[in-house]
Amino acid sequence: MKNKILKVALLSIALLTVSVSCSDDFVERQFNQDVEQGPLKSVQEMESFVRGTYASMRSPYYYGCDFLAYGEVRSDEMLSNLNSGYYTNVMNYTQVAADGYAKDTWNYIYQTVAKANVVINTDASSFSADDKDHAGFLQGQAYAVRALNFFDLLRVYGQQYTGSGSLGVVLPLKYDPQAKQARSTIAETEAQIASDFAKAEQLMEDHSDWDNGPSERTELSLSAVKGLMARFYLYKGNYAKVRELVDYIVDAGGYSVVGAANLQGSYTFSMNGSAANSMFELAVGNASALGTQSYRHKLSNGGYGNVVIKPAAVALFASNDTRRTLITTGSTNYLSNLNGVKGKYLNASGADNIKMLRYEEILLDGVEAELNGGNPIKALTYLNQIRTNRNLAAATSVTIAELKNERLRELLGEGLRQWDLRRWGDAVPRPTTASTSPLLNAFPIPLSETNVGAVQSNPGYDN
């Protein structure tokens, strides 16, 4: 396997200066005074842009905090207690078209798309043979990033959960600062996500010499891409495809469920990048620590402490379940505590790497897929790999209802629960003060986008 430590151009410093819109200034950019917006000229520049996509994804407006919180405060496992006013309008379904959550998350996801598009559309035909091989693998990563970006946009802004409407999101497939582009349909958006994932698979398989697999968890490997695909195909209800993907990951090896003694450590800063269950995580570290903007600050009683666990969710944990020890209980239940001793995302400075995909999620995907037309014995095997590593006795059977509870216990706070409930068709609890309109299940399309005229708003909002 090849050594991928390359000298990175100054371009990497300038990657964060992209601003994004789907209007005529879709990517007003100043990446670097020496690099025009045209195609990249070297594999080192391509690698810098791929790293730039990961840097954009760790923004506090995306996976660094807000996107994860959206999946929790609208769910049956967590809520916002409205401390400092965070997520009040998200949880109460009272956003408006100029709302900062809708605008900032939209912008940072499309910033990531813009960087991925620069890599995807780079012509590497003049590169050396070795650089062409590396470029192909980098383009595979970029396709996978774009697929995940479009999937995230679809879940937040698409109309699939609103009871009416067929609109998905804007799908820019190349870097074009003059583009004015309308929203695609849900079906078109899903087809593009599937196409991007398939292209990522093909490129990363064709250029597998550059795949460092489990030895490098802060960039996408082929197994990690297949894991993200499994998340998408669960949303689609394509259980046969999920079974195929999970089988590949399990058979390929390199990852395992962390034992009870190492569960807490797998979430801490000191073990980031080396935990056996980590398949993909976004590098943060001290130099890029998110501080008070971090997800940890929203989860912890030592921070804002406003994304907290519902008592009914705590009650689903057996007293001897190791995962129960991650929760600080009391009049309010926290997933990260003041002293940084237990919980998820503990580092006070917000320096923890962001766990994007864990092997336990893959096994739970496998349980669900096997229970839906597959092999129930295999489903039980997957489930017990988790249970026996959480200080629990092996189960003798498993149902869909228990699978749903197990996903809550294992993935608590990791930003997936709202989307699980919606894809299952289960009720998503709302505060008594919240609007009951299903139209508001989708976020508003930012006013800055709909004012341009090409991007249609979501009904129920003020644009």
Protein backbone atom coordinates (compact mmCIF):
# COMPACT_ATOMS: atom_id res chain seq x y z
CA MET A 1 0.00 0.00 0.00
CA LYS A 2 1.40 3.34 -0.99
CA ASN A 3 2.53 6.07 1.34
CA LYS A 4 0.15 8.98 0.87
CA ILE A 5 2.00 11.62 2.87
CA LEU A 6 2.46 14.34 0.28
CA LYS A 7 3.75 17.87 0.43
CA VAL A 8 0.63 20.02 0.25
CA ALA A 9 0.63 23.33 -1.56
CA LEU A 10 -0.31 26.64 0.07
CA LEU A 11 -3.70 26.03 -1.48
CA SER A 12 -4.77 24.14 1.64
CA ILE A 13 -4.60 27.32 3.71
CA ALA A 14 -6.91 29.15 1.35
CA LEU A 15 -9.54 26.45 1.04
CA LEU A 16 -11.69 27.95 3.77
CA THR A 17 -12.31 31.19 1.87
CA VAL A 18 -15.02 29.77 -0.38
CA SER A 19 -18.44 31.35 -0.11
CA VAL A 20 -21.40 29.54 -1.56
CA SER A 21 -24.76 30.26 -3.09
CA CYS A 22 -26.86 28.63 -5.76
CA SER A 23 -27.47 32.04 -7.27
CA ASP A 24 -25.22 33.76 -9.79
CA ASP A 25 -22.46 33.90 -7.18
CA PHE A 26 -22.68 30.18 -6.52
CA VAL A 27 -19.02 29.98 -5.55
CA GLU A 28 -17.45 33.40 -5.23
CA ARG A 29 -13.99 32.17 -4.64
CA GLN A 30 -10.51 33.26 -3.89
CA PHE A 31 -8.94 29.88 -3.28
CA ASN A 32 -5.42 31.21 -3.78
CA GLN A 33 -4.01 34.05 -5.83
CA ASP A 34 -1.80 31.57 -7.72
CA VAL A 35 -4.63 29.16 -8.58
CA GLU A 36 -7.43 30.20 -10.88
CA GLN A 37 -10.87 28.64 -10.66
CA GLY A 38 -10.10 26.42 -13.64
CA PRO A 39 -8.96 22.79 -13.46
CA LEU A 40 -6.33 21.84 -10.92
CA LYS A 41 -2.85 21.20 -12.29
CA SER A 42 -1.38 18.62 -9.95
CA VAL A 43 -2.33 15.70 -7.77
CA GLN A 44 -1.09 17.67 -4.76
CA GLU A 45 -3.66 20.38 -5.50
CA MET A 46 -6.35 17.71 -5.86
CA GLU A 47 -5.41 16.23 -2.50
CA SER A 48 -5.60 19.69 -0.94
CA PHE A 49 -9.11 20.16 -2.27
CA VAL A 50 -10.23 16.77 -0.96
CA ARG A 51 -8.86 17.73 2.42
CA GLY A 52 -10.72 20.99 2.00
CA THR A 53 -14.01 19.12 1.64
CA TYR A 54 -13.36 17.46 4.99
CA ALA A 55 -12.48 20.84 6.51
CA SER A 56 -15.80 22.30 5.32
CA MET A 57 -17.68 19.33 6.72
CA ARG A 58 -16.30 19.93 10.20
CA SER A 59 -17.79 23.44 10.28
CA PRO A 60 -20.00 24.03 13.36
CA TYR A 61 -22.82 24.71 10.90
CA TYR A 62 -22.45 21.20 9.44
CA TYR A 63 -21.03 18.08 11.12
CA GLY A 64 -19.12 20.11 13.69
CA CYS A 65 -22.39 20.74 15.52
CA ASP A 66 -25.66 21.89 13.96
CA PHE A 67 -26.35 19.09 11.51
CA LEU A 68 -25.94 16.53 14.30
CA ALA A 69 -28.20 18.56 16.58
CA TYR A 70 -30.96 18.67 13.93
CA GLY A 71 -31.08 14.89 14.00
CA GLU A 72 -31.50 14.87 17.78
CA VAL A 73 -33.69 17.78 18.90
CA ARG A 74 -36.41 16.55 16.55
CA SER A 75 -36.51 12.99 17.88
CA ASP A 76 -37.65 10.70 20.66
CA GLU A 77 -34.23 10.54 22.34
CA MET A 78 -33.10 14.14 22.82
CA LEU A 79 -34.44 17.68 22.87
CA SER A 80 -33.28 21.24 23.24
CA ASN A 81 -34.05 22.63 26.67
CA LEU A 82 -33.71 26.05 25.00
CA ASN A 83 -30.77 27.20 27.13
CA SER A 84 -29.27 30.29 25.47
CA GLY A 85 -31.96 30.02 22.80
CA TYR A 86 -30.18 27.38 20.73
CA TYR A 87 -32.38 25.31 18.36
CA THR A 88 -35.61 26.83 19.73
CA ASN A 89 -37.02 27.49 16.27
CA VAL A 90 -35.77 24.13 14.95
CA MET A 91 -37.46 22.13 17.69
CA ASN A 92 -40.64 24.23 17.61
CA TYR A 93 -40.86 24.23 13.80
CA THR A 94 -40.96 28.04 13.76
CA GLN A 95 -38.12 28.87 11.37
CA VAL A 96 -38.46 31.60 8.76
CA ALA A 97 -36.76 31.89 5.39
CA ALA A 98 -34.08 34.22 6.75
CA ASP A 99 -33.27 31.87 9.63
CA GLY A 100 -29.57 31.40 10.34
CA TYR A 101 -29.73 27.62 10.80
CA ALA A 102 -31.30 27.08 7.37
CA LYS A 103 -28.95 29.54 5.65
CA ASP A 104 -25.65 28.57 7.29
CA THR A 105 -26.06 24.81 6.95
CA TRP A 106 -27.16 25.19 3.32
CA ASN A 107 -24.12 27.38 2.58
CA TYR A 108 -21.54 25.12 4.20
CA ILE A 109 -22.87 21.97 2.56
CA TYR A 110 -22.78 23.63 -0.84
CA GLN A 111 -19.29 24.92 -0.06
CA THR A 112 -18.27 21.30 0.36
CA VAL A 113 -20.01 20.38 -2.91
CA ALA A 114 -18.11 23.16 -4.68
CA LYS A 115 -14.73 21.82 -3.57
CA ALA A 116 -15.72 18.25 -4.47
CA ASN A 117 -16.76 19.44 -7.94
CA VAL A 118 -13.36 21.03 -8.55
CA VAL A 119 -11.74 17.64 -7.90
CA ILE A 120 -14.33 15.64 -9.85
CA ASN A 121 -13.95 17.80 -12.96
CA THR A 122 -10.16 17.96 -12.98
CA ASP A 123 -8.57 16.48 -16.10
CA ALA A 124 -5.65 14.31 -14.98
CA SER A 125 -4.76 13.05 -18.47
CA SER A 126 -1.44 14.92 -18.48
CA PHE A 127 -0.36 13.56 -15.09
CA SER A 128 2.25 10.85 -14.69
CA ALA A 129 0.96 7.27 -14.49
CA ASP A 130 1.35 7.15 -10.70
CA ASP A 131 -0.30 10.55 -10.27
CA LYS A 132 -3.18 9.50 -12.54
CA ASP A 133 -3.74 6.51 -10.29
CA HIS A 134 -3.73 8.69 -7.21
CA ALA A 135 -5.97 11.27 -8.91
CA GLY A 136 -8.52 8.56 -9.68
CA PHE A 137 -8.70 7.57 -6.02
CA LEU A 138 -9.04 11.21 -4.96
CA GLN A 139 -11.86 11.71 -7.43
CA GLY A 140 -13.53 8.65 -5.93
CA GLN A 141 -13.40 10.30 -2.51
CA ALA A 142 -14.81 13.51 -4.00
CA TYR A 143 -17.75 11.65 -5.58
CA ALA A 144 -18.49 10.02 -2.21
CA VAL A 145 -18.33 13.36 -0.41
CA ARG A 146 -20.70 14.91 -2.94
CA ALA A 147 -23.10 11.99 -2.60
CA LEU A 148 -23.17 12.43 1.18
CA ASN A 149 -23.61 16.21 0.80
CA PHE A 150 -26.59 15.78 -1.52
CA PHE A 151 -28.07 13.16 0.82
CA ASP A 152 -27.74 15.49 3.80
CA LEU A 153 -29.28 18.37 1.85
CA LEU A 154 -32.15 16.15 0.75
CA ARG A 155 -32.98 15.04 4.29
CA VAL A 156 -32.99 18.57 5.65
CA TYR A 157 -34.49 20.57 2.76
CA GLY A 158 -36.25 18.03 0.53
CA GLN A 159 -40.01 17.56 0.52
CA GLN A 160 -40.09 13.78 0.99
CA TYR A 161 -41.33 14.04 4.59
CA THR A 162 -43.75 16.96 4.15
CA GLY A 163 -46.82 15.06 2.98
CA SER A 164 -46.85 16.88 -0.35
CA GLY A 165 -44.46 18.13 -2.99
CA SER A 166 -41.81 16.38 -5.05
CA LEU A 167 -38.86 18.76 -4.85
CA GLY A 168 -35.42 17.71 -3.75
CA VAL A 169 -32.44 20.05 -3.83
CA VAL A 170 -30.15 21.88 -6.23
CA LEU A 171 -27.62 19.52 -7.83
CA PRO A 172 -24.60 21.43 -9.17
CA LEU A 173 -22.29 18.94 -10.87
CA LYS A 174 -19.51 21.29 -11.86
CA TYR A 175 -17.89 24.41 -10.54
CA ASP A 176 -19.62 27.34 -12.25
CA PRO A 177 -19.67 30.75 -10.52
CA GLN A 178 -22.33 31.99 -12.97
CA ALA A 179 -24.77 29.12 -12.49
CA LYS A 180 -28.43 29.70 -11.78
CA GLN A 181 -29.96 26.32 -11.16
CA ALA A 182 -33.39 25.18 -10.01
CA ARG A 183 -34.12 22.38 -7.55
CA SER A 184 -34.30 18.86 -8.91
CA THR A 185 -37.05 16.47 -7.92
CA ILE A 186 -36.70 14.03 -5.03
CA ALA A 187 -36.37 11.18 -7.52
CA GLU A 188 -33.68 13.02 -9.49
CA THR A 189 -31.81 13.86 -6.30
CA GLU A 190 -31.88 10.26 -5.10
CA ALA A 191 -30.72 9.07 -8.53
CA GLN A 192 -27.78 11.49 -8.46
CA ILE A 193 -26.78 10.34 -4.96
CA ALA A 194 -26.86 6.72 -6.09
CA SER A 195 -24.88 7.58 -9.23
CA ASP A 196 -22.22 9.47 -7.26
CA PHE A 197 -21.83 6.64 -4.78
CA ALA A 198 -21.53 4.10 -7.60
CA LYS A 199 -18.88 6.22 -9.33
CA ALA A 200 -17.00 6.54 -6.04
CA GLU A 201 -17.04 2.75 -5.63
CA GLN A 202 -15.79 2.17 -9.16
CA LEU A 203 -12.96 4.71 -8.96
CA MET A 204 -11.77 3.59 -5.53
CA GLU A 205 -11.81 -0.06 -6.59
CA ASP A 206 -9.91 0.76 -9.80
CA HIS A 207 -7.28 2.73 -7.86
CA SER A 208 -7.21 0.65 -4.69
CA ASP A 209 -3.42 0.93 -4.31
CA TRP A 210 -4.13 4.30 -2.71
CA ASP A 211 -6.68 2.94 -0.23
CA ASN A 212 -5.12 2.93 3.24
CA GLY A 213 -8.24 1.34 4.76
CA PRO A 214 -8.29 1.07 8.55
CA SER A 215 -4.82 2.57 8.90
CA GLU A 216 -6.18 6.02 7.95
CA ARG A 217 -9.55 6.82 9.43
CA THR A 218 -9.61 10.56 8.75
CA GLU A 219 -10.21 10.09 5.04
CA LEU A 220 -12.62 7.91 3.15
CA SER A 221 -11.70 4.32 2.35
CA LEU A 222 -13.70 2.03 0.11
CA SER A 223 -15.21 0.30 3.16
CA ALA A 224 -16.20 3.66 4.66
CA VAL A 225 -17.84 4.71 1.39
CA LYS A 226 -19.82 1.47 1.35
CA GLY A 227 -20.84 2.21 4.94
CA LEU A 228 -22.18 5.63 3.98
CA MET A 229 -23.95 3.96 1.07
CA ALA A 230 -25.62 1.56 3.51
CA ARG A 231 -26.98 4.60 5.38
CA PHE A 232 -28.44 5.95 2.14
CA TYR A 233 -29.94 2.64 1.01
CA LEU A 234 -31.58 2.14 4.42
CA TYR A 235 -33.29 5.48 3.80
CA LYS A 236 -34.38 4.11 0.42
CA GLY A 237 -35.63 0.86 1.96
CA ASN A 238 -33.40 -1.14 -0.38
CA TYR A 239 -32.55 -3.86 2.13
CA ALA A 240 -31.00 -6.20 -0.43
CA LYS A 241 -28.44 -3.52 -1.29
CA VAL A 242 -27.76 -2.88 2.40
CA ARG A 243 -27.13 -6.59 2.96
CA GLU A 244 -24.65 -6.61 0.08
CA LEU A 245 -22.80 -3.58 1.46
CA VAL A 246 -22.67 -4.87 5.03
CA ASP A 247 -21.43 -8.26 3.86
CA TYR A 248 -18.57 -6.58 2.02
CA ILE A 249 -17.52 -4.49 5.02
CA VAL A 250 -17.70 -7.41 7.45
CA ASP A 251 -15.82 -9.74 5.10
CA ALA A 252 -13.16 -7.13 4.29
CA GLY A 253 -12.32 -6.84 7.99
CA GLY A 254 -10.14 -4.27 9.69
CA TYR A 255 -12.83 -2.94 12.02
CA SER A 256 -14.47 -4.31 15.15
CA VAL A 257 -16.86 -3.43 17.93
CA VAL A 258 -14.97 -1.82 20.81
CA GLY A 259 -15.18 -3.72 24.08
CA ALA A 260 -16.85 -2.40 27.20
CA ALA A 261 -13.55 -1.36 28.74
CA ASN A 262 -12.65 0.75 25.70
CA LEU A 263 -16.04 2.27 24.88
CA GLN A 264 -15.43 5.53 26.72
CA GLY A 265 -11.93 5.79 25.35
CA SER A 266 -13.15 5.41 21.79
CA TYR A 267 -14.86 8.81 22.08
CA THR A 268 -11.99 10.69 23.68
CA PHE A 269 -9.41 12.91 22.07
CA SER A 270 -6.47 10.66 22.96
CA MET A 271 -7.82 7.75 20.93
CA ASN A 272 -9.16 9.64 17.94
CA GLY A 273 -8.03 7.95 14.75
CA SER A 274 -7.09 4.69 16.43
CA ALA A 275 -10.30 3.27 17.93
CA ALA A 276 -11.03 -0.14 16.38
CA ASN A 277 -14.65 0.80 15.56
CA SER A 278 -13.89 4.09 13.79
CA MET A 279 -14.40 3.81 10.03
CA PHE A 280 -14.41 7.50 9.15
CA GLU A 281 -13.96 10.61 11.23
CA LEU A 282 -13.28 14.26 10.53
CA ALA A 283 -9.95 15.42 11.92
CA VAL A 284 -10.22 18.38 14.27
CA GLY A 285 -7.44 18.50 16.86
CA ASN A 286 -6.19 21.39 18.95
CA ALA A 287 -5.28 23.63 16.03
CA SER A 288 -8.82 23.52 14.62
CA ALA A 289 -10.76 23.13 17.89
CA LEU A 290 -14.32 24.42 17.62
CA GLY A 291 -14.51 25.85 21.13
CA THR A 292 -17.92 27.09 22.24
CA GLN A 293 -19.27 26.37 18.74
CA SER A 294 -18.59 22.65 19.14
CA TYR A 295 -21.23 19.96 19.55
CA ARG A 296 -19.64 19.10 22.91
CA HIS A 297 -20.56 22.57 24.20
CA LYS A 298 -24.21 21.94 23.32
CA LEU A 299 -24.20 18.49 24.97
CA SER A 300 -22.35 19.25 28.19
CA ASN A 301 -23.47 20.61 31.55
CA GLY A 302 -20.16 22.45 31.47
CA GLY A 303 -21.18 24.28 28.29
CA TYR A 304 -24.53 25.51 27.03
CA GLY A 305 -25.97 22.12 27.93
CA ASN A 306 -29.04 22.56 25.76
CA VAL A 307 -29.13 19.30 23.74
CA VAL A 308 -30.12 16.88 26.46
CA ILE A 309 -31.43 13.32 26.75
CA LYS A 310 -35.10 12.60 27.37
CA PRO A 311 -35.88 10.55 30.50
CA ALA A 312 -37.74 7.97 28.39
CA ALA A 313 -34.57 7.36 26.38
CA VAL A 314 -32.46 6.91 29.51
CA ALA A 315 -35.01 4.35 30.75
CA LEU A 316 -34.26 2.12 27.74
CA PHE A 317 -30.76 1.36 29.05
CA ALA A 318 -30.29 -1.58 31.41
CA SER A 319 -28.45 -0.63 34.58
CA ASN A 320 -25.46 -2.81 33.60
CA ASP A 321 -25.29 -1.55 29.99
CA THR A 322 -21.87 0.05 29.53
CA ARG A 323 -23.43 2.70 27.33
CA ARG A 324 -25.46 3.83 30.33
CA THR A 325 -22.21 4.98 31.95
CA LEU A 326 -21.75 7.58 29.21
CA ILE A 327 -24.81 9.46 30.46
CA THR A 328 -24.76 11.92 33.35
CA THR A 329 -28.20 11.69 34.94
CA GLY A 330 -30.10 13.99 37.23
CA SER A 331 -32.87 16.51 36.82
CA THR A 332 -31.34 16.93 33.36
CA ASN A 333 -29.56 14.13 31.48
CA TYR A 334 -26.36 15.01 29.63
CA LEU A 335 -24.31 13.10 27.06
CA SER A 336 -21.12 14.97 27.95
CA ASN A 337 -20.24 16.05 31.48
CA LEU A 338 -18.56 19.00 33.11
CA ASN A 339 -15.37 17.25 34.11
CA GLY A 340 -14.78 15.62 30.74
CA VAL A 341 -14.79 12.21 32.42
CA LYS A 342 -17.63 10.43 30.65
CA GLY A 343 -19.83 10.85 27.62
CA LYS A 344 -19.35 11.56 23.94
CA TYR A 345 -17.36 14.57 22.67
CA LEU A 346 -15.63 15.36 25.95
CA ASN A 347 -12.79 17.70 25.07
CA ALA A 348 -13.54 21.11 26.57
CA SER A 349 -11.93 22.96 23.67
CA GLY A 350 -13.98 21.08 21.07
CA ALA A 351 -10.89 19.36 19.68
CA ASP A 352 -12.40 15.87 19.44
CA ASN A 353 -12.50 14.33 15.99
CA ILE A 354 -16.04 14.05 14.65
CA LYS A 355 -17.18 10.44 14.40
CA MET A 356 -18.83 10.12 11.00
CA LEU A 357 -19.17 6.34 10.78
CA ARG A 358 -18.65 3.59 13.35
CA TYR A 359 -18.58 -0.15 12.77
CA GLU A 360 -21.45 -0.59 15.23
CA GLU A 361 -23.71 1.39 12.89
CA ILE A 362 -22.80 -0.99 10.07
CA LEU A 363 -23.79 -4.01 12.17
CA LEU A 364 -27.09 -2.37 13.12
CA ASP A 365 -27.72 -1.64 9.44
CA GLY A 366 -27.10 -5.34 8.86
CA VAL A 367 -29.54 -6.35 11.61
CA GLU A 368 -32.29 -4.24 10.05
CA ALA A 369 -31.60 -5.42 6.52
CA GLU A 370 -31.46 -9.09 7.51
CA LEU A 371 -34.77 -8.76 9.39
CA ASN A 372 -36.33 -7.38 6.21
CA GLY A 373 -36.09 -10.29 3.81
CA GLY A 374 -32.73 -11.67 4.80
CA ASN A 375 -31.41 -14.13 7.37
CA PRO A 376 -32.70 -13.60 10.95
CA ILE A 377 -29.86 -15.75 12.35
CA LYS A 378 -27.31 -13.41 10.79
CA ALA A 379 -29.26 -10.46 12.22
CA LEU A 380 -28.95 -11.96 15.68
CA THR A 381 -25.23 -12.56 15.19
CA TYR A 382 -24.68 -8.92 14.28
CA LEU A 383 -26.73 -7.72 17.25
CA ASN A 384 -24.88 -9.89 19.73
CA GLN A 385 -21.50 -8.62 18.58
CA ILE A 386 -22.66 -5.31 20.05
CA ARG A 387 -24.53 -6.58 23.10
CA THR A 388 -21.73 -8.82 24.37
CA ASN A 389 -19.35 -5.86 24.12
CA ARG A 390 -21.69 -3.66 26.15
CA ASN A 391 -21.71 -5.90 29.23
CA LEU A 392 -25.04 -7.45 28.23
CA ALA A 393 -26.04 -11.07 27.78
CA ALA A 394 -26.42 -12.32 24.23
CA ALA A 395 -29.98 -12.09 22.94
CA THR A 396 -31.79 -15.21 21.79
CA SER A 397 -33.97 -13.40 19.26
CA VAL A 398 -34.37 -9.96 17.74
CA THR A 399 -37.33 -8.03 16.34
CA ILE A 400 -37.62 -4.78 14.43
CA ALA A 401 -38.93 -3.12 17.60
CA GLU A 402 -35.81 -4.18 19.52
CA LEU A 403 -33.60 -3.12 16.62
CA LYS A 404 -35.09 0.38 16.86
CA ASN A 405 -34.35 0.52 20.59
CA GLU A 406 -30.84 -0.80 20.03
CA ARG A 407 -30.13 1.92 17.50
CA LEU A 408 -31.21 4.48 20.10
CA ARG A 409 -28.91 3.02 22.74
CA GLU A 410 -25.88 2.65 20.50
CA LEU A 411 -26.17 5.77 18.34
CA LEU A 412 -27.54 8.19 20.93
CA GLY A 413 -26.58 11.76 20.15
CA GLU A 414 -24.84 10.94 16.87
CA GLY A 415 -27.28 12.84 14.66
CA LEU A 416 -29.19 9.93 13.11
CA ARG A 417 -32.36 9.52 15.15
CA GLN A 418 -34.71 11.97 13.42
CA TRP A 419 -33.85 10.45 10.07
CA ASP A 420 -34.37 6.92 11.41
CA LEU A 421 -37.83 7.83 12.70
CA ARG A 422 -38.82 9.49 9.44
CA ARG A 423 -37.63 6.67 7.18
CA TRP A 424 -39.47 4.16 9.40
CA GLY A 425 -42.62 6.27 9.22
CA ASP A 426 -42.65 6.51 13.02
CA ALA A 427 -43.94 9.54 14.87
CA VAL A 428 -41.46 12.34 15.51
CA PRO A 429 -42.44 13.94 18.84
CA ARG A 430 -43.09 17.67 18.85
CA PRO A 431 -43.42 20.06 21.78
CA THR A 432 -47.01 21.05 22.55
CA THR A 433 -46.10 24.58 21.47
CA ALA A 434 -44.80 23.46 18.06
CA SER A 435 -46.56 23.83 14.75
CA THR A 436 -48.25 20.62 13.65
CA SER A 437 -47.92 21.27 9.91
CA PRO A 438 -46.02 18.45 8.13
CA LEU A 439 -44.91 21.03 5.55
CA LEU A 440 -42.46 22.31 8.14
CA ASN A 441 -40.68 18.95 8.44
CA ALA A 442 -38.43 20.37 5.71
CA PHE A 443 -36.29 23.38 6.56
CA PRO A 444 -37.01 26.60 4.69
CA ILE A 445 -34.97 27.23 1.58
CA PRO A 446 -32.84 30.28 2.51
CA LEU A 447 -34.27 33.61 1.46
CA SER A 448 -30.92 34.49 -0.13
CA GLU A 449 -31.53 31.63 -2.59
CA THR A 450 -35.20 32.11 -3.41
CA ASN A 451 -34.69 35.85 -3.95
CA VAL A 452 -32.57 34.98 -7.00
CA GLY A 453 -35.58 33.39 -8.65
CA ALA A 454 -34.25 30.02 -9.79
CA VAL A 455 -34.68 28.15 -6.51
CA GLN A 456 -38.26 27.39 -5.46
CA SER A 457 -39.15 27.75 -1.78
CA ASN A 458 -40.68 25.11 0.45
CA PRO A 459 -44.37 25.76 1.19
CA GLY A 460 -45.34 26.96 4.64
CA TYR A 461 -42.63 29.61 4.88
CA ASP A 462 -42.44 33.33 4.18
CA ASN A 463 -40.70 33.17 0.80
